[in-house]
PDB file of N, CA and C in Angstrom:
ATOM      1  N   MET A   1      74.532 -96.103  -7.915  1.00  0.00           N
ATOM      2  CA  MET A   1      76.175 -95.669  -9.123  1.00  0.00           C
ATOM      3  C   MET A   1      76.843 -97.284  -8.506  1.00  0.00           C
ATOM      4  N   SER A   2      77.186 -97.589  -9.672  1.00  0.00           N
ATOM      5  CA  SER A   2      78.201 -98.428  -9.565  1.00  0.00           C
ATOM      6  C   SER A   2      79.411 -98.055  -8.163  1.00  0.00           C
ATOM      7  N   LEU A   3      80.171 -99.540  -8.240  1.00  0.00           N
ATOM      8  CA  LEU A   3      81.552 -99.125  -7.991  1.00  0.00           C
ATOM      9  C   LEU A   3      82.509 -98.345  -8.382  1.00  0.00           C
ATOM     10  N   ARG A   4      82.114 -98.540  -9.599  1.00  0.00           N
ATOM     11  CA  ARG A   4      83.594 -97.700 -10.481  1.00  0.00           C
ATOM     12  C   ARG A   4      83.274 -96.244 -10.337  1.00  0.00           C
ATOM     13  N   GLU A   5      81.897 -96.014 -10.047  1.00  0.00           N
ATOM     14  CA  GLU A   5      81.323 -94.213  -9.973  1.00  0.00           C
ATOM     15  C   GLU A   5      82.128 -94.098  -8.733  1.00  0.00           C
ATOM     16  N   LYS A   6      81.747 -95.071  -7.726  1.00  0.00           N
ATOM     17  CA  LYS A   6      81.477 -94.595  -6.616  1.00  0.00           C
ATOM     18  C   LYS A   6      83.763 -94.452  -6.110  1.00  0.00           C
ATOM     19  N   LEU A   7      84.009 -95.041  -7.117  1.00  0.00           N
ATOM     20  CA  LEU A   7      85.654 -95.356  -6.536  1.00  0.00           C
ATOM     21  C   LEU A   7      86.028 -93.712  -7.590  1.00  0.00           C
ATOM     22  N   GLY A   8      85.725 -93.670  -8.760  1.00  0.00           N
ATOM     23  CA  GLY A   8      86.197 -92.075  -8.997  1.00  0.00           C
ATOM     24  C   GLY A   8      85.674 -91.063  -8.372  1.00  0.00           C
ATOM     25  N   LEU A   9      84.738 -91.412  -7.843  1.00  0.00           N
ATOM     26  CA  LEU A   9      84.763 -89.859  -7.086  1.00  0.00           C
ATOM     27  C   LEU A   9      84.810 -89.324  -5.699  1.00  0.00           C
ATOM     28  N   LYS A  10      84.853 -90.702  -5.056  1.00  0.00           N
ATOM     29  CA  LYS A  10      85.673 -90.619  -3.475  1.00  0.00           C
ATOM     30  C   LYS A  10      87.791 -90.113  -3.846  1.00  0.00           C
ATOM     31  N   LEU A  11      87.903 -90.706  -5.115  1.00  0.00           N
ATOM     32  CA  LEU A  11      89.061 -90.615  -5.891  1.00  0.00           C
ATOM     33  C   LEU A  11      89.625 -88.750  -6.584  1.00  0.00           C
ATOM     34  N   LEU A  12      87.742 -87.959  -6.440  1.00  0.00           N
ATOM     35  CA  LEU A  12      88.369 -86.668  -7.043  1.00  0.00           C
ATOM     36  C   LEU A  12      88.127 -86.199  -5.502  1.00  0.00           C
ATOM     37  N   HIS A  13      87.142 -86.098  -5.136  1.00  0.00           N
ATOM     38  CA  HIS A  13      87.157 -85.884  -3.366  1.00  0.00           C
ATOM     39  C   HIS A  13      88.792 -85.085  -2.738  1.00  0.00           C
ATOM     40  N   GLN A  14      89.406 -86.185  -3.626  1.00  0.00           N
ATOM     41  CA  GLN A  14      90.708 -86.156  -2.461  1.00  0.00           C
ATOM     42  C   GLN A  14      91.790 -84.887  -2.904  1.00  0.00           C
ATOM     43  N   PHE A  15      91.411 -84.104  -4.084  1.00  0.00           N
ATOM     44  CA  PHE A  15      91.813 -83.708  -4.922  1.00  0.00           C
ATOM     45  C   PHE A  15      91.344 -81.605  -4.271  1.00  0.00           C
ATOM     46  N   ASP A  16      92.577 -81.167  -4.895  1.00  0.00           N
ATOM     47  CA  ASP A  16      91.138 -80.016  -4.840  1.00  0.00           C
ATOM     48  C   ASP A  16      90.264 -79.418  -5.932  1.00  0.00           C
ATOM     49  N   PRO A  17      89.467 -78.504  -6.158  1.00  0.00           N
ATOM     50  CA  PRO A  17      88.230 -78.646  -6.865  1.00  0.00           C
ATOM     51  C   PRO A  17      89.148 -78.170  -8.684  1.00  0.00           C
ATOM     52  N   GLU A  18      90.637 -77.480  -8.687  1.00  0.00           N
ATOM     53  CA  GLU A  18      90.585 -76.877  -9.653  1.00  0.00           C
ATOM     54  C   GLU A  18      91.501 -78.954 -10.387  1.00  0.00           C
ATOM     55  N   ARG A  19      91.722 -79.692  -9.836  1.00  0.00           N
ATOM     56  CA  ARG A  19      92.694 -80.496 -10.040  1.00  0.00           C
ATOM     57  C   ARG A  19      91.592 -81.400 -10.171  1.00  0.00           C
ATOM     58  N   ALA A  20      90.510 -81.563  -9.399  1.00  0.00           N
ATOM     59  CA  ALA A  20      89.233 -82.777  -9.672  1.00  0.00           C
ATOM     60  C   ALA A  20      88.828 -82.287 -11.426  1.00  0.00           C
ATOM     61  N   HIS A  21      88.899 -81.538 -10.911  1.00  0.00           N
ATOM     62  CA  HIS A  21      88.431 -79.980 -12.708  1.00  0.00           C
ATOM     63  C   HIS A  21      88.740 -81.352 -13.219  1.00  0.00           C
ATOM     64  N   GLY A  22      90.103 -81.302 -13.536  1.00  0.00           N
ATOM     65  CA  GLY A  22      90.928 -81.376 -14.898  1.00  0.00           C
ATOM     66  C   GLY A  22      91.223 -82.571 -15.145  1.00  0.00           C
ATOM     67  N   LEU A  23      91.251 -83.194 -13.795  1.00  0.00           N
ATOM     68  CA  LEU A  23      91.508 -84.786 -14.231  1.00  0.00           C
ATOM     69  C   LEU A  23      89.872 -85.419 -14.917  1.00  0.00           C
ATOM     70  N   SER A  24      88.885 -84.619 -14.219  1.00  0.00           N
ATOM     71  CA  SER A  24      87.600 -85.031 -14.986  1.00  0.00           C
ATOM     72  C   SER A  24      87.398 -85.090 -16.501  1.00  0.00           C
ATOM     73  N   ILE A  25      87.918 -83.610 -16.844  1.00  0.00           N
ATOM     74  CA  ILE A  25      87.805 -84.113 -18.412  1.00  0.00           C
ATOM     75  C   ILE A  25      88.982 -84.927 -18.382  1.00  0.00           C
ATOM     76  N   GLN A  26      90.091 -85.294 -18.396  1.00  0.00           N
ATOM     77  CA  GLN A  26      91.073 -86.183 -18.680  1.00  0.00           C
ATOM     78  C   GLN A  26      90.284 -87.520 -18.899  1.00  0.00           C
ATOM     79  N   ALA A  27      89.553 -87.217 -17.941  1.00  0.00           N
ATOM     80  CA  ALA A  27      88.403 -89.163 -18.139  1.00  0.00           C
ATOM     81  C   ALA A  27      87.543 -89.574 -19.006  1.00  0.00           C
ATOM     82  N   LEU A  28      86.589 -87.908 -19.136  1.00  0.00           N
ATOM     83  CA  LEU A  28      85.773 -87.800 -20.185  1.00  0.00           C
ATOM     84  C   LEU A  28      86.669 -88.570 -21.814  1.00  0.00           C
ATOM     85  N   LYS A  29      87.773 -87.594 -21.487  1.00  0.00           N
ATOM     86  CA  LYS A  29      88.605 -87.455 -23.351  1.00  0.00           C
ATOM     87  C   LYS A  29      89.041 -88.946 -23.184  1.00  0.00           C
ATOM     88  N   LEU A  30      90.089 -89.796 -22.009  1.00  0.00           N
ATOM     89  CA  LEU A  30      90.040 -91.341 -22.052  1.00  0.00           C
ATOM     90  C   LEU A  30      89.164 -92.384 -22.499  1.00  0.00           C
ATOM     91  N   GLY A  31      87.614 -92.045 -22.271  1.00  0.00           N
ATOM     92  CA  GLY A  31      86.721 -93.063 -22.254  1.00  0.00           C
ATOM     93  C   GLY A  31      86.748 -93.484 -20.670  1.00  0.00           C
ATOM     94  N   LEU A  32      86.844 -92.887 -19.887  1.00  0.00           N
ATOM     95  CA  LEU A  32      86.600 -94.356 -18.704  1.00  0.00           C
ATOM     96  C   LEU A  32      85.565 -93.569 -17.699  1.00  0.00           C
ATOM     97  N   VAL A  33      85.017 -92.699 -18.533  1.00  0.00           N
ATOM     98  CA  VAL A  33      83.270 -91.896 -17.084  1.00  0.00           C
ATOM     99  C   VAL A  33      82.173 -92.944 -18.384  1.00  0.00           C
ATOM    100  N   PRO A  34      81.270 -93.708 -17.547  1.00  0.00           N
ATOM    101  CA  PRO A  34      80.525 -94.367 -18.568  1.00  0.00           C
ATOM    102  C   PRO A  34      79.264 -93.350 -18.460  1.00  0.00           C
ATOM    103  N   LEU A  35      78.901 -93.385 -19.655  1.00  0.00           N
ATOM    104  CA  LEU A  35      77.805 -92.322 -20.368  1.00  0.00           C
ATOM    105  C   LEU A  35      76.944 -92.993 -20.385  1.00  0.00           C
ATOM    106  N   HIS A  36      75.106 -92.276 -20.988  1.00  0.00           N
ATOM    107  CA  HIS A  36      74.261 -92.506 -20.919  1.00  0.00           C
ATOM    108  C   HIS A  36      74.420 -92.503 -22.687  1.00  0.00           C
ATOM    109  N   GLY A  37      75.218 -92.584 -22.961  1.00  0.00           N
ATOM    110  CA  GLY A  37      74.557 -92.317 -24.817  1.00  0.00           C
ATOM    111  C   GLY A  37      74.369 -92.135 -25.711  1.00  0.00           C
ATOM    112  N   GLY A  38      73.759 -90.594 -25.540  1.00  0.00           N
ATOM    113  CA  GLY A  38      73.379 -89.416 -26.303  1.00  0.00           C
ATOM    114  C   GLY A  38      72.331 -88.477 -25.042  1.00  0.00           C
ATOM    115  N   PRO A  39      71.619 -87.955 -25.594  1.00  0.00           N
ATOM    116  CA  PRO A  39      70.971 -86.933 -25.239  1.00  0.00           C
ATOM    117  C   PRO A  39      69.762 -88.023 -24.701  1.00  0.00           C
ATOM    118  N   VAL A  40      68.967 -88.040 -23.233  1.00  0.00           N
ATOM    119  CA  VAL A  40      68.178 -88.392 -23.376  1.00  0.00           C
ATOM    120  C   VAL A  40      66.427 -87.854 -24.179  1.00  0.00           C
ATOM    121  N   HIS A  41      65.768 -88.145 -24.385  1.00  0.00           N
ATOM    122  CA  HIS A  41      64.736 -88.081 -25.412  1.00  0.00           C
ATOM    123  C   HIS A  41      63.937 -89.147 -25.105  1.00  0.00           C
ATOM    124  N   THR A  42      62.195 -88.023 -24.965  1.00  0.00           N
ATOM    125  CA  THR A  42      61.336 -88.374 -24.465  1.00  0.00           C
ATOM    126  C   THR A  42      59.818 -87.618 -24.885  1.00  0.00           C
ATOM    127  N   PRO A  43      59.166 -87.679 -25.256  1.00  0.00           N
ATOM    128  CA  PRO A  43      58.369 -86.440 -26.080  1.00  0.00           C
ATOM    129  C   PRO A  43      58.043 -85.999 -24.678  1.00  0.00           C
ATOM    130  N   ARG A  44      57.906 -86.490 -23.105  1.00  0.00           N
ATOM    131  CA  ARG A  44      57.748 -85.953 -22.068  1.00  0.00           C
ATOM    132  C   ARG A  44      58.904 -84.493 -21.766  1.00  0.00           C
ATOM    133  N   LEU A  45      60.299 -84.566 -22.162  1.00  0.00           N
ATOM    134  CA  LEU A  45      60.391 -83.939 -22.317  1.00  0.00           C
ATOM    135  C   LEU A  45      61.086 -82.651 -23.097  1.00  0.00           C
ATOM    136  N   GLU A  46      60.678 -82.816 -24.038  1.00  0.00           N
ATOM    137  CA  GLU A  46      60.820 -82.334 -25.021  1.00  0.00           C
ATOM    138  C   GLU A  46      60.574 -80.596 -25.015  1.00  0.00           C
ATOM    139  N   THR A  47      61.170 -79.889 -25.486  1.00  0.00           N
ATOM    140  CA  THR A  47      60.698 -78.137 -24.464  1.00  0.00           C
ATOM    141  C   THR A  47      61.367 -77.252 -26.125  1.00  0.00           C
ATOM    142  N   SER A  48      60.521 -76.275 -26.211  1.00  0.00           N
ATOM    143  CA  SER A  48      61.453 -75.536 -27.330  1.00  0.00           C
ATOM    144  C   SER A  48      61.915 -74.041 -26.212  1.00  0.00           C
ATOM    145  N   LEU A  49      63.689 -73.429 -27.003  1.00  0.00           N
ATOM    146  CA  LEU A  49      63.869 -72.326 -26.198  1.00  0.00           C
ATOM    147  C   LEU A  49      64.647 -71.816 -27.426  1.00  0.00           C
ATOM    148  N   GLY A  50      64.124 -70.126 -27.623  1.00  0.00           N
ATOM    149  CA  GLY A  50      64.601 -69.454 -29.008  1.00  0.00           C
ATOM    150  C   GLY A  50      64.451 -69.971 -29.933  1.00  0.00           C
ATOM    151  N   GLY A  51      63.450 -70.530 -30.364  1.00  0.00           N
ATOM    152  CA  GLY A  51      62.781 -71.512 -31.245  1.00  0.00           C
ATOM    153  C   GLY A  51      63.553 -72.543 -31.778  1.00  0.00           C
ATOM    154  N   MET A  52      64.379 -73.062 -31.006  1.00  0.00           N
ATOM    155  CA  MET A  52      65.218 -74.433 -31.333  1.00  0.00           C
ATOM    156  C   MET A  52      64.393 -75.622 -30.630  1.00  0.00           C
ATOM    157  N   THR A  53      63.901 -76.689 -30.441  1.00  0.00           N
ATOM    158  CA  THR A  53      63.248 -77.670 -30.529  1.00  0.00           C
ATOM    159  C   THR A  53      64.560 -78.491 -29.465  1.00  0.00           C
ATOM    160  N   LEU A  54      64.775 -78.599 -28.145  1.00  0.00           N
ATOM    161  CA  LEU A  54      65.117 -79.094 -27.216  1.00  0.00           C
ATOM    162  C   LEU A  54      64.955 -80.623 -26.522  1.00  0.00           C
ATOM    163  N   ARG A  55      65.734 -81.507 -26.875  1.00  0.00           N
ATOM    164  CA  ARG A  55      64.798 -83.202 -26.370  1.00  0.00           C
ATOM    165  C   ARG A  55      65.010 -83.178 -24.780  1.00  0.00           C
ATOM    166  N   ASN A  56      65.543 -82.841 -24.038  1.00  0.00           N
ATOM    167  CA  ASN A  56      65.303 -82.204 -22.574  1.00  0.00           C
ATOM    168  C   ASN A  56      65.739 -80.855 -22.274  1.00  0.00           C
ATOM    169  N   PRO A  57      65.069 -81.030 -21.614  1.00  0.00           N
ATOM    170  CA  PRO A  57      65.816 -78.832 -20.935  1.00  0.00           C
ATOM    171  C   PRO A  57      67.154 -79.349 -19.809  1.00  0.00           C
ATOM    172  N   VAL A  58      67.848 -80.282 -19.709  1.00  0.00           N
ATOM    173  CA  VAL A  58      68.797 -80.621 -19.449  1.00  0.00           C
ATOM    174  C   VAL A  58      69.935 -80.429 -19.777  1.00  0.00           C
ATOM    175  N   GLY A  59      71.137 -79.092 -19.128  1.00  0.00           N
ATOM    176  CA  GLY A  59      72.209 -79.007 -20.662  1.00  0.00           C
ATOM    177  C   GLY A  59      72.831 -78.334 -19.062  1.00  0.00           C
ATOM    178  N   LEU A  60      74.494 -78.160 -19.911  1.00  0.00           N
ATOM    179  CA  LEU A  60      75.625 -78.351 -19.202  1.00  0.00           C
ATOM    180  C   LEU A  60      75.882 -76.859 -19.414  1.00  0.00           C
ATOM    181  N   ALA A  61      75.855 -76.408 -18.301  1.00  0.00           N
ATOM    182  CA  ALA A  61      76.505 -74.450 -18.800  1.00  0.00           C
ATOM    183  C   ALA A  61      77.983 -74.394 -18.752  1.00  0.00           C
ATOM    184  N   ALA A  62      77.890 -73.123 -19.357  1.00  0.00           N
ATOM    185  CA  ALA A  62      79.510 -72.733 -19.394  1.00  0.00           C
ATOM    186  C   ALA A  62      80.116 -72.827 -18.592  1.00  0.00           C
ATOM    187  N   GLY A  63      81.709 -73.491 -19.219  1.00  0.00           N
ATOM    188  CA  GLY A  63      82.422 -73.386 -18.225  1.00  0.00           C
ATOM    189  C   GLY A  63      83.323 -75.013 -17.532  1.00  0.00           C
ATOM    190  N   TYR A  64      82.804 -76.112 -17.874  1.00  0.00           N
ATOM    191  CA  TYR A  64      82.683 -76.803 -17.091  1.00  0.00           C
ATOM    192  C   TYR A  64      84.220 -77.553 -18.231  1.00  0.00           C
ATOM    193  N   ASP A  65      84.036 -77.512 -19.816  1.00  0.00           N
ATOM    194  CA  ASP A  65      84.687 -78.012 -20.206  1.00  0.00           C
ATOM    195  C   ASP A  65      85.054 -76.522 -21.384  1.00  0.00           C
ATOM    196  N   LYS A  66      85.845 -75.398 -21.078  1.00  0.00           N
ATOM    197  CA  LYS A  66      86.012 -74.522 -21.231  1.00  0.00           C
ATOM    198  C   LYS A  66      86.926 -74.584 -22.229  1.00  0.00           C
ATOM    199  N   ASN A  67      87.699 -74.958 -23.355  1.00  0.00           N
ATOM    200  CA  ASN A  67      88.277 -75.345 -24.547  1.00  0.00           C
ATOM    201  C   ASN A  67      87.707 -76.194 -24.730  1.00  0.00           C
ATOM    202  N   ALA A  68      86.385 -76.931 -24.740  1.00  0.00           N
ATOM    203  CA  ALA A  68      86.197 -77.848 -25.802  1.00  0.00           C
ATOM    204  C   ALA A  68      86.970 -79.290 -26.118  1.00  0.00           C
ATOM    205  N   GLU A  69      87.708 -79.596 -25.066  1.00  0.00           N
ATOM    206  CA  GLU A  69      87.976 -80.831 -25.018  1.00  0.00           C
ATOM    207  C   GLU A  69      87.571 -82.679 -25.167  1.00  0.00           C
ATOM    208  N   ALA A  70      86.831 -82.478 -24.284  1.00  0.00           N
ATOM    209  CA  ALA A  70      85.872 -83.210 -24.179  1.00  0.00           C
ATOM    210  C   ALA A  70      83.842 -83.485 -24.693  1.00  0.00           C
ATOM    211  N   LEU A  71      84.273 -82.660 -25.930  1.00  0.00           N
ATOM    212  CA  LEU A  71      82.802 -82.145 -26.889  1.00  0.00           C
ATOM    213  C   LEU A  71      82.474 -83.532 -27.078  1.00  0.00           C
ATOM    214  N   ALA A  72      83.234 -84.213 -27.242  1.00  0.00           N
ATOM    215  CA  ALA A  72      82.307 -85.555 -28.064  1.00  0.00           C
ATOM    216  C   ALA A  72      81.300 -86.071 -27.238  1.00  0.00           C
ATOM    217  N   PRO A  73      82.482 -86.488 -26.186  1.00  0.00           N
ATOM    218  CA  PRO A  73      82.069 -87.971 -25.133  1.00  0.00           C
ATOM    219  C   PRO A  73      80.486 -86.750 -23.725  1.00  0.00           C
ATOM    220  N   MET A  74      81.071 -85.440 -24.016  1.00  0.00           N
ATOM    221  CA  MET A  74      79.949 -84.368 -23.135  1.00  0.00           C
ATOM    222  C   MET A  74      78.598 -84.855 -24.277  1.00  0.00           C
ATOM    223  N   GLY A  75      78.540 -84.787 -25.642  1.00  0.00           N
ATOM    224  CA  GLY A  75      77.370 -85.481 -25.990  1.00  0.00           C
ATOM    225  C   GLY A  75      76.876 -85.923 -25.965  1.00  0.00           C
ATOM    226  N   GLN A  76      77.981 -87.178 -25.714  1.00  0.00           N
ATOM    227  CA  GLN A  76      76.958 -88.583 -25.407  1.00  0.00           C
ATOM    228  C   GLN A  76      76.015 -89.132 -23.586  1.00  0.00           C
ATOM    229  N   ALA A  77      76.589 -87.554 -22.707  1.00  0.00           N
ATOM    230  CA  ALA A  77      76.252 -87.872 -21.319  1.00  0.00           C
ATOM    231  C   ALA A  77      75.199 -87.350 -21.264  1.00  0.00           C
ATOM    232  N   GLY A  78      73.698 -87.594 -21.842  1.00  0.00           N
ATOM    233  CA  GLY A  78      72.009 -87.166 -21.695  1.00  0.00           C
ATOM    234  C   GLY A  78      71.891 -86.267 -21.833  1.00  0.00           C
ATOM    235  N   PHE A  79      72.741 -85.026 -21.837  1.00  0.00           N
ATOM    236  CA  PHE A  79      72.217 -83.450 -21.698  1.00  0.00           C
ATOM    237  C   PHE A  79      71.204 -83.215 -23.306  1.00  0.00           C
ATOM    238  N   GLY A  80      70.556 -81.775 -23.425  1.00  0.00           N
ATOM    239  CA  GLY A  80      70.128 -82.524 -24.097  1.00  0.00           C
ATOM    240  C   GLY A  80      70.470 -81.150 -25.129  1.00  0.00           C
ATOM    241  N   PHE A  81      70.964 -80.097 -24.273  1.00  0.00           N
ATOM    242  CA  PHE A  81      72.248 -78.902 -24.682  1.00  0.00           C
ATOM    243  C   PHE A  81      73.470 -78.858 -23.875  1.00  0.00           C
ATOM    244  N   LEU A  82      74.298 -78.345 -24.600  1.00  0.00           N
ATOM    245  CA  LEU A  82      76.147 -77.865 -23.951  1.00  0.00           C
ATOM    246  C   LEU A  82      76.081 -76.748 -24.458  1.00  0.00           C
ATOM    247  N   GLU A  83      76.229 -76.103 -23.327  1.00  0.00           N
ATOM    248  CA  GLU A  83      77.668 -74.667 -23.569  1.00  0.00           C
ATOM    249  C   GLU A  83      78.974 -74.706 -23.336  1.00  0.00           C
ATOM    250  N   VAL A  84      79.894 -74.305 -24.366  1.00  0.00           N
ATOM    251  CA  VAL A  84      80.888 -75.056 -24.827  1.00  0.00           C
ATOM    252  C   VAL A  84      82.007 -73.137 -24.275  1.00  0.00           C
ATOM    253  N   GLY A  85      82.585 -73.022 -23.738  1.00  0.00           N
ATOM    254  CA  GLY A  85      83.729 -72.112 -23.389  1.00  0.00           C
ATOM    255  C   GLY A  85      83.360 -71.876 -22.083  1.00  0.00           C
ATOM    256  N   ALA A  86      83.717 -70.527 -22.298  1.00  0.00           N
ATOM    257  CA  ALA A  86      84.030 -70.244 -19.759  1.00  0.00           C
ATOM    258  C   ALA A  86      83.198 -68.794 -20.092  1.00  0.00           C
ATOM    259  N   ALA A  87      82.477 -69.092 -19.068  1.00  0.00           N
ATOM    260  CA  ALA A  87      80.969 -68.166 -18.542  1.00  0.00           C
ATOM    261  C   ALA A  87      81.547 -67.134 -18.861  1.00  0.00           C
ATOM    262  N   THR A  88      82.217 -66.428 -18.404  1.00  0.00           N
ATOM    263  CA  THR A  88      83.556 -65.030 -17.798  1.00  0.00           C
ATOM    264  C   THR A  88      84.176 -64.877 -18.887  1.00  0.00           C
ATOM    265  N   PRO A  89      84.411 -63.406 -19.501  1.00  0.00           N
ATOM    266  CA  PRO A  89      85.940 -63.312 -20.138  1.00  0.00           C
ATOM    267  C   PRO A  89      86.518 -62.719 -19.239  1.00  0.00           C
ATOM    268  N   ALA A  90      86.656 -62.188 -18.241  1.00  0.00           N
ATOM    269  CA  ALA A  90      87.069 -62.044 -17.052  1.00  0.00           C
ATOM    270  C   ALA A  90      87.064 -62.974 -16.416  1.00  0.00           C
ATOM    271  N   THR A  91      88.550 -61.936 -15.361  1.00  0.00           N
ATOM    272  CA  THR A  91      89.701 -63.111 -14.428  1.00  0.00           C
ATOM    273  C   THR A  91      88.341 -63.206 -13.305  1.00  0.00           C
ATOM    274  N   THR A  92      88.824 -64.281 -13.138  1.00  0.00           N
ATOM    275  CA  THR A  92      88.495 -64.881 -11.749  1.00  0.00           C
ATOM    276  C   THR A  92      89.333 -64.358 -10.305  1.00  0.00           C
ATOM    277  N   ALA A  93      88.789 -64.289  -9.021  1.00  0.00           N
ATOM    278  CA  ALA A  93      90.121 -64.774  -8.574  1.00  0.00           C
ATOM    279  C   ALA A  93      90.382 -65.408  -7.932  1.00  0.00           C
ATOM    280  N   ARG A  94      89.972 -67.011  -8.491  1.00  0.00           N
ATOM    281  CA  ARG A  94      90.787 -68.386  -8.798  1.00  0.00           C
ATOM    282  C   ARG A  94      91.571 -68.541  -9.558  1.00  0.00           C
ATOM    283  N   GLN A  95      91.276 -67.866 -10.420  1.00  0.00           N
ATOM    284  CA  GLN A  95      91.817 -67.912 -11.902  1.00  0.00           C
ATOM    285  C   GLN A  95      93.217 -66.700 -12.387  1.00  0.00           C
ATOM    286  N   SER A  96      94.115 -67.583 -12.852  1.00  0.00           N
ATOM    287  CA  SER A  96      95.399 -66.763 -12.906  1.00  0.00           C
ATOM    288  C   SER A  96      95.181 -65.897 -14.907  1.00  0.00           C
ATOM    289  N   GLU A  97      96.240 -64.659 -14.522  1.00  0.00           N
ATOM    290  CA  GLU A  97      96.091 -63.984 -15.515  1.00  0.00           C
ATOM    291  C   GLU A  97      95.880 -65.079 -16.612  1.00  0.00           C
ATOM    292  N   ALA A  98      97.334 -66.062 -17.034  1.00  0.00           N
ATOM    293  CA  ALA A  98      97.484 -67.132 -17.626  1.00  0.00           C
ATOM    294  C   ALA A  98      95.835 -67.746 -17.933  1.00  0.00           C
ATOM    295  N   GLU A  99      95.712 -67.763 -16.926  1.00  0.00           N
ATOM    296  CA  GLU A  99      93.963 -68.720 -16.963  1.00  0.00           C
ATOM    297  C   GLU A  99      92.745 -68.072 -18.451  1.00  0.00           C
ATOM    298  N   ALA A 100      92.865 -67.068 -18.025  1.00  0.00           N
ATOM    299  CA  ALA A 100      91.759 -65.873 -18.716  1.00  0.00           C
ATOM    300  C   ALA A 100      92.025 -65.472 -20.073  1.00  0.00           C
ATOM    301  N   VAL A 101      90.952 -65.361 -20.356  1.00  0.00           N
ATOM    302  CA  VAL A 101      91.144 -65.520 -22.247  1.00  0.00           C
ATOM    303  C   VAL A 101      90.379 -63.571 -22.454  1.00  0.00           C
ATOM    304  N   SER A 102      91.480 -63.291 -23.399  1.00  0.00           N
ATOM    305  CA  SER A 102      91.324 -61.981 -23.502  1.00  0.00           C
ATOM    306  C   SER A 102      89.571 -61.920 -24.358  1.00  0.00           C
ATOM    307  N   PRO A 103      88.603 -61.131 -24.315  1.00  0.00           N
ATOM    308  CA  PRO A 103      87.571 -61.109 -25.439  1.00  0.00           C
ATOM    309  C   PRO A 103      87.606 -61.214 -26.426  1.00  0.00           C
ATOM    310  N   ASP A 104      88.972 -60.370 -26.938  1.00  0.00           N
ATOM    311  CA  ASP A 104      89.546 -59.616 -28.583  1.00  0.00           C
ATOM    312  C   ASP A 104      90.004 -60.995 -29.009  1.00  0.00           C
ATOM    313  N   ARG A 105      90.262 -61.780 -28.141  1.00  0.00           N
ATOM    314  CA  ARG A 105      90.944 -63.300 -28.586  1.00  0.00           C
ATOM    315  C   ARG A 105      89.634 -64.686 -28.907  1.00  0.00           C
ATOM    316  N   ARG A 106      88.862 -63.870 -28.025  1.00  0.00           N
ATOM    317  CA  ARG A 106      87.557 -64.892 -28.092  1.00  0.00           C
ATOM    318  C   ARG A 106      86.276 -64.596 -29.589  1.00  0.00           C
ATOM    319  N   PRO A 107      86.404 -65.247 -29.647  1.00  0.00           N
ATOM    320  CA  PRO A 107      85.444 -64.406 -31.443  1.00  0.00           C
ATOM    321  C   PRO A 107      83.818 -64.696 -30.282  1.00  0.00           C
ATOM    322  N   SER A 108      82.666 -65.135 -29.542  1.00  0.00           N
ATOM    323  CA  SER A 108      81.829 -64.607 -29.430  1.00  0.00           C
ATOM    324  C   SER A 108      81.386 -65.162 -28.109  1.00  0.00           C
ATOM    325  N   GLY A 109      83.074 -65.215 -26.954  1.00  0.00           N
ATOM    326  CA  GLY A 109      81.691 -65.610 -25.605  1.00  0.00           C
ATOM    327  C   GLY A 109      81.900 -67.833 -25.627  1.00  0.00           C
ATOM    328  N   HIS A 110      80.912 -68.203 -24.670  1.00  0.00           N
ATOM    329  CA  HIS A 110      81.170 -69.053 -24.721  1.00  0.00           C
ATOM    330  C   HIS A 110      79.791 -69.780 -25.824  1.00  0.00           C
ATOM    331  N   GLN A 111      79.732 -70.467 -26.619  1.00  0.00           N
ATOM    332  CA  GLN A 111      78.839 -71.219 -27.846  1.00  0.00           C
ATOM    333  C   GLN A 111      77.730 -72.392 -27.038  1.00  0.00           C
ATOM    334  N   PRO A 112      76.617 -72.042 -26.968  1.00  0.00           N
ATOM    335  CA  PRO A 112      75.797 -73.108 -26.840  1.00  0.00           C
ATOM    336  C   PRO A 112      75.630 -73.839 -28.087  1.00  0.00           C
ATOM    337  N   LEU A 113      75.342 -75.374 -27.618  1.00  0.00           N
ATOM    338  CA  LEU A 113      75.541 -75.973 -29.075  1.00  0.00           C
ATOM    339  C   LEU A 113      74.069 -77.508 -28.094  1.00  0.00           C
ATOM    340  N   TRP A 114      73.614 -77.607 -29.683  1.00  0.00           N
ATOM    341  CA  TRP A 114      72.375 -77.909 -29.319  1.00  0.00           C
ATOM    342  C   TRP A 114      72.087 -79.593 -30.338  1.00  0.00           C
ATOM    343  N   LEU A 115      71.675 -80.498 -28.978  1.00  0.00           N
ATOM    344  CA  LEU A 115      71.881 -81.491 -29.498  1.00  0.00           C
ATOM    345  C   LEU A 115      70.575 -81.868 -30.442  1.00  0.00           C
TER     346      LEU A 115
END
């Protein structure tokens, strides 16, 4: 891990989880995070799921980038697939009503993005 990465993690650990989450999304949007450059692709890691070929089986689950704010940078992070959106339409204990998105306002919940 580079010094820049170590310092970034140390800084994020100083904040509560929700604030750190927001800051990590902003850092991605601003290009402050070193990224792999695209999905990791070696024939050994290729797999298929639901009839689709994935370059690698490691993906980012729904919930990290709920509003698809950092979709382009996340596409460069090395994942074989991304799921964009919230994992659940219901309000959680840590989520305020203002943060929850009504299921009738969201066309289909989270959406997978195959890279």
